[in-house]
Amino acid sequence: MAMDAGEIERLIRDGIPDAVVRIDDLRGDGDHYAAYVESPAFAGKTRVQQHQMVYAALRGQMGNELHALALTTVVPKA
């Protein structure tokens, strides 16, 4: 069962409440998404740690209901 963009966005916002989140369905098939996540919580963290925070927010859905996610994480500019 595929996830929709709204559910992905909700999970990320629940896990990282101050995040700015944009989700794009890359193929229109509900299986391949691109996510842009901007959050002050990423400050001082490596890109890998930032991505781990997003994956944690997705509560184990990566690889299950969510098959492919192209992830971009950003620390807001001051």
PDB file of N, CA and C in Angstrom:
ATOM      1  N   MET A   1       0.837  -1.183   0.000  1.00  0.00           N
ATOM      2  CA  MET A   1       0.000   0.000   0.000  1.00  0.00           C
ATOM      3  C   MET A   1       0.883   1.248   0.000  1.00  0.00           C
ATOM      4  N   ALA A   2       0.665   2.150  -0.924  1.00  0.00           N
ATOM      5  CA  ALA A   2       1.476   3.362  -1.042  1.00  0.00           C
ATOM      6  C   ALA A   2       0.983   4.449  -0.078  1.00  0.00           C
ATOM      7  N   MET A   3       1.890   5.358   0.231  1.00  0.00           N
ATOM      8  CA  MET A   3       1.530   6.517   1.058  1.00  0.00           C
ATOM      9  C   MET A   3       1.242   7.691   0.135  1.00  0.00           C
ATOM     10  N   ASP A   4       0.411   8.621   0.605  1.00  0.00           N
ATOM     11  CA  ASP A   4       0.222   9.826  -0.204  1.00  0.00           C
ATOM     12  C   ASP A   4       1.080  10.954   0.362  1.00  0.00           C
ATOM     13  N   ALA A   5       1.249  11.988  -0.432  1.00  0.00           N
ATOM     14  CA  ALA A   5       2.118  13.100  -0.065  1.00  0.00           C
ATOM     15  C   ALA A   5       1.683  13.757   1.239  1.00  0.00           C
ATOM     16  N   GLY A   6       0.388  13.867   1.452  1.00  0.00           N
ATOM     17  CA  GLY A   6      -0.124  14.477   2.675  1.00  0.00           C
ATOM     18  C   GLY A   6       0.272  13.708   3.921  1.00  0.00           C
ATOM     19  N   GLU A   7       0.254  12.392   3.845  1.00  0.00           N
ATOM     20  CA  GLU A   7       0.637  11.560   4.980  1.00  0.00           C
ATOM     21  C   GLU A   7       2.136  11.691   5.267  1.00  0.00           C
ATOM     22  N   ILE A   8       2.945  11.717   4.217  1.00  0.00           N
ATOM     23  CA  ILE A   8       4.394  11.894   4.404  1.00  0.00           C
ATOM     24  C   ILE A   8       4.663  13.237   5.071  1.00  0.00           C
ATOM     25  N   GLU A   9       4.020  14.277   4.574  1.00  0.00           N
ATOM     26  CA  GLU A   9       4.198  15.613   5.139  1.00  0.00           C
ATOM     27  C   GLU A   9       3.765  15.652   6.601  1.00  0.00           C
ATOM     28  N   ARG A  10       2.633  15.036   6.919  1.00  0.00           N
ATOM     29  CA  ARG A  10       2.129  15.026   8.291  1.00  0.00           C
ATOM     30  C   ARG A  10       3.103  14.326   9.239  1.00  0.00           C
ATOM     31  N   LEU A  11       3.621  13.182   8.825  1.00  0.00           N
ATOM     32  CA  LEU A  11       4.567  12.447   9.669  1.00  0.00           C
ATOM     33  C   LEU A  11       5.825  13.268   9.929  1.00  0.00           C
ATOM     34  N   ILE A  12       6.336  13.912   8.876  1.00  0.00           N
ATOM     35  CA  ILE A  12       7.552  14.714   9.050  1.00  0.00           C
ATOM     36  C   ILE A  12       7.271  15.901   9.965  1.00  0.00           C
ATOM     37  N   ARG A  13       6.148  16.576   9.757  1.00  0.00           N
ATOM     38  CA  ARG A  13       5.806  17.725  10.623  1.00  0.00           C
ATOM     39  C   ARG A  13       5.567  17.296  12.075  1.00  0.00           C
ATOM     40  N   ASP A  14       4.987  16.120  12.275  1.00  0.00           N
ATOM     41  CA  ASP A  14       4.786  15.613  13.634  1.00  0.00           C
ATOM     42  C   ASP A  14       6.131  15.351  14.307  1.00  0.00           C
ATOM     43  N   GLY A  15       7.071  14.796  13.556  1.00  0.00           N
ATOM     44  CA  GLY A  15       8.373  14.442  14.111  1.00  0.00           C
ATOM     45  C   GLY A  15       9.329  15.615  14.235  1.00  0.00           C
ATOM     46  N   ILE A  16       9.178  16.608  13.355  1.00  0.00           N
ATOM     47  CA  ILE A  16      10.041  17.793  13.360  1.00  0.00           C
ATOM     48  C   ILE A  16       9.109  19.002  13.250  1.00  0.00           C
ATOM     49  N   PRO A  17       8.517  19.414  14.381  1.00  0.00           N
ATOM     50  CA  PRO A  17       7.411  20.382  14.360  1.00  0.00           C
ATOM     51  C   PRO A  17       7.723  21.740  13.730  1.00  0.00           C
ATOM     52  N   ASP A  18       8.976  22.193  13.773  1.00  0.00           N
ATOM     53  CA  ASP A  18       9.288  23.513  13.212  1.00  0.00           C
ATOM     54  C   ASP A  18       9.701  23.447  11.745  1.00  0.00           C
ATOM     55  N   ALA A  19       9.571  22.286  11.130  1.00  0.00           N
ATOM     56  CA  ALA A  19      10.054  22.096   9.764  1.00  0.00           C
ATOM     57  C   ALA A  19       9.140  22.730   8.717  1.00  0.00           C
ATOM     58  N   VAL A  20       9.784  23.228   7.672  1.00  0.00           N
ATOM     59  CA  VAL A  20       9.098  23.602   6.436  1.00  0.00           C
ATOM     60  C   VAL A  20       9.229  22.373   5.544  1.00  0.00           C
ATOM     61  N   VAL A  21       8.099  21.853   5.065  1.00  0.00           N
ATOM     62  CA  VAL A  21       8.107  20.591   4.327  1.00  0.00           C
ATOM     63  C   VAL A  21       7.404  20.770   2.988  1.00  0.00           C
ATOM     64  N   ARG A  22       8.056  20.307   1.923  1.00  0.00           N
ATOM     65  CA  ARG A  22       7.425  20.237   0.596  1.00  0.00           C
ATOM     66  C   ARG A  22       7.605  18.818   0.077  1.00  0.00           C
ATOM     67  N   ILE A  23       6.533  18.234  -0.414  1.00  0.00           N
ATOM     68  CA  ILE A  23       6.571  16.876  -0.955  1.00  0.00           C
ATOM     69  C   ILE A  23       6.109  16.931  -2.404  1.00  0.00           C
ATOM     70  N   ASP A  24       6.882  16.308  -3.293  1.00  0.00           N
ATOM     71  CA  ASP A  24       6.501  16.211  -4.702  1.00  0.00           C
ATOM     72  C   ASP A  24       6.417  14.747  -5.092  1.00  0.00           C
ATOM     73  N   ASP A  25       5.321  14.366  -5.737  1.00  0.00           N
ATOM     74  CA  ASP A  25       5.164  13.014  -6.283  1.00  0.00           C
ATOM     75  C   ASP A  25       5.865  13.012  -7.637  1.00  0.00           C
ATOM     76  N   LEU A  26       7.019  12.338  -7.709  1.00  0.00           N
ATOM     77  CA  LEU A  26       7.875  12.427  -8.892  1.00  0.00           C
ATOM     78  C   LEU A  26       7.294  11.764 -10.127  1.00  0.00           C
ATOM     79  N   ARG A  27       6.556  10.672  -9.939  1.00  0.00           N
ATOM     80  CA  ARG A  27       6.051   9.917 -11.089  1.00  0.00           C
ATOM     81  C   ARG A  27       4.540   9.873 -11.164  1.00  0.00           C
ATOM     82  N   GLY A  28       3.878  10.414 -10.146  1.00  0.00           N
ATOM     83  CA  GLY A  28       2.425  10.342 -10.123  1.00  0.00           C
ATOM     84  C   GLY A  28       1.902   8.972  -9.758  1.00  0.00           C
ATOM     85  N   ASP A  29       2.811   8.111  -9.237  1.00  0.00           N
ATOM     86  CA  ASP A  29       2.399   6.736  -8.928  1.00  0.00           C
ATOM     87  C   ASP A  29       2.227   6.480  -7.429  1.00  0.00           C
ATOM     88  N   GLY A  30       2.462   7.519  -6.599  1.00  0.00           N
ATOM     89  CA  GLY A  30       2.322   7.349  -5.167  1.00  0.00           C
ATOM     90  C   GLY A  30       3.427   6.520  -4.525  1.00  0.00           C
ATOM     91  N   ASP A  31       4.482   6.213  -5.280  1.00  0.00           N
ATOM     92  CA  ASP A  31       5.591   5.412  -4.759  1.00  0.00           C
ATOM     93  C   ASP A  31       6.922   6.147  -4.741  1.00  0.00           C
ATOM     94  N   HIS A  32       7.056   7.192  -5.540  1.00  0.00           N
ATOM     95  CA  HIS A  32       8.338   7.881  -5.689  1.00  0.00           C
ATOM     96  C   HIS A  32       8.153   9.370  -5.412  1.00  0.00           C
ATOM     97  N   TYR A  33       8.722   9.801  -4.296  1.00  0.00           N
ATOM     98  CA  TYR A  33       8.555  11.181  -3.854  1.00  0.00           C
ATOM     99  C   TYR A  33       9.890  11.885  -3.686  1.00  0.00           C
ATOM    100  N   ALA A  34       9.840  13.200  -3.774  1.00  0.00           N
ATOM    101  CA  ALA A  34      10.954  14.052  -3.374  1.00  0.00           C
ATOM    102  C   ALA A  34      10.466  14.877  -2.194  1.00  0.00           C
ATOM    103  N   ALA A  35      11.285  14.967  -1.159  1.00  0.00           N
ATOM    104  CA  ALA A  35      10.928  15.748   0.025  1.00  0.00           C
ATOM    105  C   ALA A  35      11.989  16.805   0.265  1.00  0.00           C
ATOM    106  N   TYR A  36      11.523  18.038   0.484  1.00  0.00           N
ATOM    107  CA  TYR A  36      12.384  19.144   0.900  1.00  0.00           C
ATOM    108  C   TYR A  36      11.994  19.462   2.337  1.00  0.00           C
ATOM    109  N   VAL A  37      12.967  19.366   3.240  1.00  0.00           N
ATOM    110  CA  VAL A  37      12.691  19.597   4.653  1.00  0.00           C
ATOM    111  C   VAL A  37      13.705  20.616   5.177  1.00  0.00           C
ATOM    112  N   GLU A  38      13.191  21.740   5.650  1.00  0.00           N
ATOM    113  CA  GLU A  38      14.040  22.800   6.198  1.00  0.00           C
ATOM    114  C   GLU A  38      13.688  22.979   7.667  1.00  0.00           C
ATOM    115  N   SER A  39      14.714  22.901   8.532  1.00  0.00           N
ATOM    116  CA  SER A  39      14.441  23.004   9.967  1.00  0.00           C
ATOM    117  C   SER A  39      15.661  23.504  10.725  1.00  0.00           C
ATOM    118  N   PRO A  40      15.433  24.408  11.694  1.00  0.00           N
ATOM    119  CA  PRO A  40      16.522  24.826  12.570  1.00  0.00           C
ATOM    120  C   PRO A  40      17.074  23.651  13.391  1.00  0.00           C
ATOM    121  N   ALA A  41      16.278  22.599  13.558  1.00  0.00           N
ATOM    122  CA  ALA A  41      16.726  21.424  14.317  1.00  0.00           C
ATOM    123  C   ALA A  41      17.909  20.730  13.638  1.00  0.00           C
ATOM    124  N   PHE A  42      18.135  21.014  12.365  1.00  0.00           N
ATOM    125  CA  PHE A  42      19.240  20.398  11.631  1.00  0.00           C
ATOM    126  C   PHE A  42      20.583  21.092  11.890  1.00  0.00           C
ATOM    127  N   ALA A  43      20.569  22.258  12.514  1.00  0.00           N
ATOM    128  CA  ALA A  43      21.801  23.029  12.742  1.00  0.00           C
ATOM    129  C   ALA A  43      22.806  22.193  13.523  1.00  0.00           C
ATOM    130  N   GLY A  44      24.047  22.182  13.047  1.00  0.00           N
ATOM    131  CA  GLY A  44      25.119  21.467  13.720  1.00  0.00           C
ATOM    132  C   GLY A  44      25.137  19.975  13.468  1.00  0.00           C
ATOM    133  N   LYS A  45      24.214  19.492  12.655  1.00  0.00           N
ATOM    134  CA  LYS A  45      24.150  18.060  12.361  1.00  0.00           C
ATOM    135  C   LYS A  45      24.678  17.792  10.952  1.00  0.00           C
ATOM    136  N   THR A  46      25.251  16.619  10.760  1.00  0.00           N
ATOM    137  CA  THR A  46      25.706  16.230   9.428  1.00  0.00           C
ATOM    138  C   THR A  46      24.489  15.936   8.551  1.00  0.00           C
ATOM    139  N   ARG A  47      24.711  15.882   7.267  1.00  0.00           N
ATOM    140  CA  ARG A  47      23.631  15.552   6.332  1.00  0.00           C
ATOM    141  C   ARG A  47      23.040  14.187   6.675  1.00  0.00           C
ATOM    142  N   VAL A  48      23.889  13.221   7.031  1.00  0.00           N
ATOM    143  CA  VAL A  48      23.406  11.888   7.397  1.00  0.00           C
ATOM    144  C   VAL A  48      22.516  11.978   8.631  1.00  0.00           C
ATOM    145  N   GLN A  49      22.930  12.736   9.648  1.00  0.00           N
ATOM    146  CA  GLN A  49      22.111  12.886  10.851  1.00  0.00           C
ATOM    147  C   GLN A  49      20.782  13.570  10.535  1.00  0.00           C
ATOM    148  N   GLN A  50      20.814  14.557   9.644  1.00  0.00           N
ATOM    149  CA  GLN A  50      19.575  15.236   9.245  1.00  0.00           C
ATOM    150  C   GLN A  50      18.620  14.245   8.589  1.00  0.00           C
ATOM    151  N   HIS A  51      19.147  13.436   7.683  1.00  0.00           N
ATOM    152  CA  HIS A  51      18.310  12.452   6.993  1.00  0.00           C
ATOM    153  C   HIS A  51      17.778  11.423   7.987  1.00  0.00           C
ATOM    154  N   GLN A  52      18.603  11.022   8.964  1.00  0.00           N
ATOM    155  CA  GLN A  52      18.151  10.074   9.974  1.00  0.00           C
ATOM    156  C   GLN A  52      16.988  10.649  10.782  1.00  0.00           C
ATOM    157  N   MET A  53      17.021  11.949  11.048  1.00  0.00           N
ATOM    158  CA  MET A  53      15.917  12.596  11.768  1.00  0.00           C
ATOM    159  C   MET A  53      14.621  12.492  10.965  1.00  0.00           C
ATOM    160  N   VAL A  54      14.720  12.716   9.653  1.00  0.00           N
ATOM    161  CA  VAL A  54      13.527  12.632   8.803  1.00  0.00           C
ATOM    162  C   VAL A  54      13.030  11.186   8.746  1.00  0.00           C
ATOM    163  N   TYR A  55      13.941  10.236   8.563  1.00  0.00           N
ATOM    164  CA  TYR A  55      13.534   8.832   8.514  1.00  0.00           C
ATOM    165  C   TYR A  55      12.885   8.409   9.831  1.00  0.00           C
ATOM    166  N   ALA A  56      13.420   8.891  10.960  1.00  0.00           N
ATOM    167  CA  ALA A  56      12.821   8.579  12.263  1.00  0.00           C
ATOM    168  C   ALA A  56      11.402   9.133  12.337  1.00  0.00           C
ATOM    169  N   ALA A  57      11.201  10.340  11.794  1.00  0.00           N
ATOM    170  CA  ALA A  57       9.866  10.950  11.794  1.00  0.00           C
ATOM    171  C   ALA A  57       8.882  10.119  10.960  1.00  0.00           C
ATOM    172  N   LEU A  58       9.392   9.421   9.968  1.00  0.00           N
ATOM    173  CA  LEU A  58       8.532   8.601   9.104  1.00  0.00           C
ATOM    174  C   LEU A  58       8.149   7.274   9.763  1.00  0.00           C
ATOM    175  N   ARG A  59       8.652   7.037  10.956  1.00  0.00           N
ATOM    176  CA  ARG A  59       8.227   5.898  11.794  1.00  0.00           C
ATOM    177  C   ARG A  59       8.282   4.557  11.077  1.00  0.00           C
ATOM    178  N   GLY A  60       9.389   4.268  10.440  1.00  0.00           N
ATOM    179  CA  GLY A  60       9.571   2.955   9.833  1.00  0.00           C
ATOM    180  C   GLY A  60       8.842   2.741   8.517  1.00  0.00           C
ATOM    181  N   GLN A  61       8.273   3.791   7.948  1.00  0.00           N
ATOM    182  CA  GLN A  61       7.534   3.632   6.687  1.00  0.00           C
ATOM    183  C   GLN A  61       8.465   3.524   5.475  1.00  0.00           C
ATOM    184  N   MET A  62       9.718   4.019   5.606  1.00  0.00           N
ATOM    185  CA  MET A  62      10.660   3.936   4.489  1.00  0.00           C
ATOM    186  C   MET A  62      10.887   2.469   4.143  1.00  0.00           C
ATOM    187  N   GLY A  63      10.753   2.129   2.879  1.00  0.00           N
ATOM    188  CA  GLY A  63      10.961   0.753   2.441  1.00  0.00           C
ATOM    189  C   GLY A  63       9.727  -0.123   2.589  1.00  0.00           C
ATOM    190  N   ASN A  64       8.730   0.357   3.282  1.00  0.00           N
ATOM    191  CA  ASN A  64       7.478  -0.379   3.419  1.00  0.00           C
ATOM    192  C   ASN A  64       6.421   0.300   2.554  1.00  0.00           C
ATOM    193  N   GLU A  65       5.582   1.145   3.170  1.00  0.00           N
ATOM    194  CA  GLU A  65       4.583   1.859   2.378  1.00  0.00           C
ATOM    195  C   GLU A  65       5.226   2.917   1.482  1.00  0.00           C
ATOM    196  N   LEU A  66       6.378   3.419   1.933  1.00  0.00           N
ATOM    197  CA  LEU A  66       7.081   4.461   1.174  1.00  0.00           C
ATOM    198  C   LEU A  66       8.297   3.824   0.518  1.00  0.00           C
ATOM    199  N   HIS A  67       8.283   3.730  -0.810  1.00  0.00           N
ATOM    200  CA  HIS A  67       9.328   2.975  -1.505  1.00  0.00           C
ATOM    201  C   HIS A  67      10.539   3.808  -1.874  1.00  0.00           C
ATOM    202  N   ALA A  68      10.334   5.021  -2.336  1.00  0.00           N
ATOM    203  CA  ALA A  68      11.467   5.832  -2.788  1.00  0.00           C
ATOM    204  C   ALA A  68      11.257   7.288  -2.373  1.00  0.00           C
ATOM    205  N   LEU A  69      12.272   7.839  -1.703  1.00  0.00           N
ATOM    206  CA  LEU A  69      12.186   9.224  -1.257  1.00  0.00           C
ATOM    207  C   LEU A  69      13.514   9.914  -1.537  1.00  0.00           C
ATOM    208  N   ALA A  70      13.491  10.887  -2.440  1.00  0.00           N
ATOM    209  CA  ALA A  70      14.665  11.724  -2.698  1.00  0.00           C
ATOM    210  C   ALA A  70      14.601  12.860  -1.687  1.00  0.00           C
ATOM    211  N   LEU A  71      15.542  12.883  -0.761  1.00  0.00           N
ATOM    212  CA  LEU A  71      15.459  13.765   0.394  1.00  0.00           C
ATOM    213  C   LEU A  71      16.478  14.899   0.311  1.00  0.00           C
ATOM    214  N   THR A  72      15.991  16.120   0.492  1.00  0.00           N
ATOM    215  CA  THR A  72      16.838  17.297   0.605  1.00  0.00           C
ATOM    216  C   THR A  72      16.564  17.931   1.964  1.00  0.00           C
ATOM    217  N   THR A  73      17.620  18.081   2.783  1.00  0.00           N
ATOM    218  CA  THR A  73      17.467  18.706   4.086  1.00  0.00           C
ATOM    219  C   THR A  73      18.285  19.991   4.112  1.00  0.00           C
ATOM    220  N   VAL A  74      17.742  21.016   4.762  1.00  0.00           N
ATOM    221  CA  VAL A  74      18.353  22.348   4.753  1.00  0.00           C
ATOM    222  C   VAL A  74      18.198  22.982   6.141  1.00  0.00           C
ATOM    223  N   VAL A  75      19.273  23.668   6.568  1.00  0.00           N
ATOM    224  CA  VAL A  75      19.191  24.509   7.771  1.00  0.00           C
ATOM    225  C   VAL A  75      18.800  25.895   7.283  1.00  0.00           C
ATOM    226  N   PRO A  76      17.779  26.525   7.886  1.00  0.00           N
ATOM    227  CA  PRO A  76      17.377  27.870   7.430  1.00  0.00           C
ATOM    228  C   PRO A  76      18.519  28.867   7.577  1.00  0.00           C
ATOM    229  N   LYS A  77      18.593  29.786   6.640  1.00  0.00           N
ATOM    230  CA  LYS A  77      19.581  30.862   6.737  1.00  0.00           C
ATOM    231  C   LYS A  77      19.110  31.866   7.773  1.00  0.00           C
ATOM    232  N   ALA A  78      20.065  32.404   8.509  1.00  0.00           N
ATOM    233  CA  ALA A  78      19.722  33.364   9.571  1.00  0.00           C
ATOM    234  C   ALA A  78      19.136  34.636   9.004  1.00  0.00           C
TER     235      ALA A  78
END
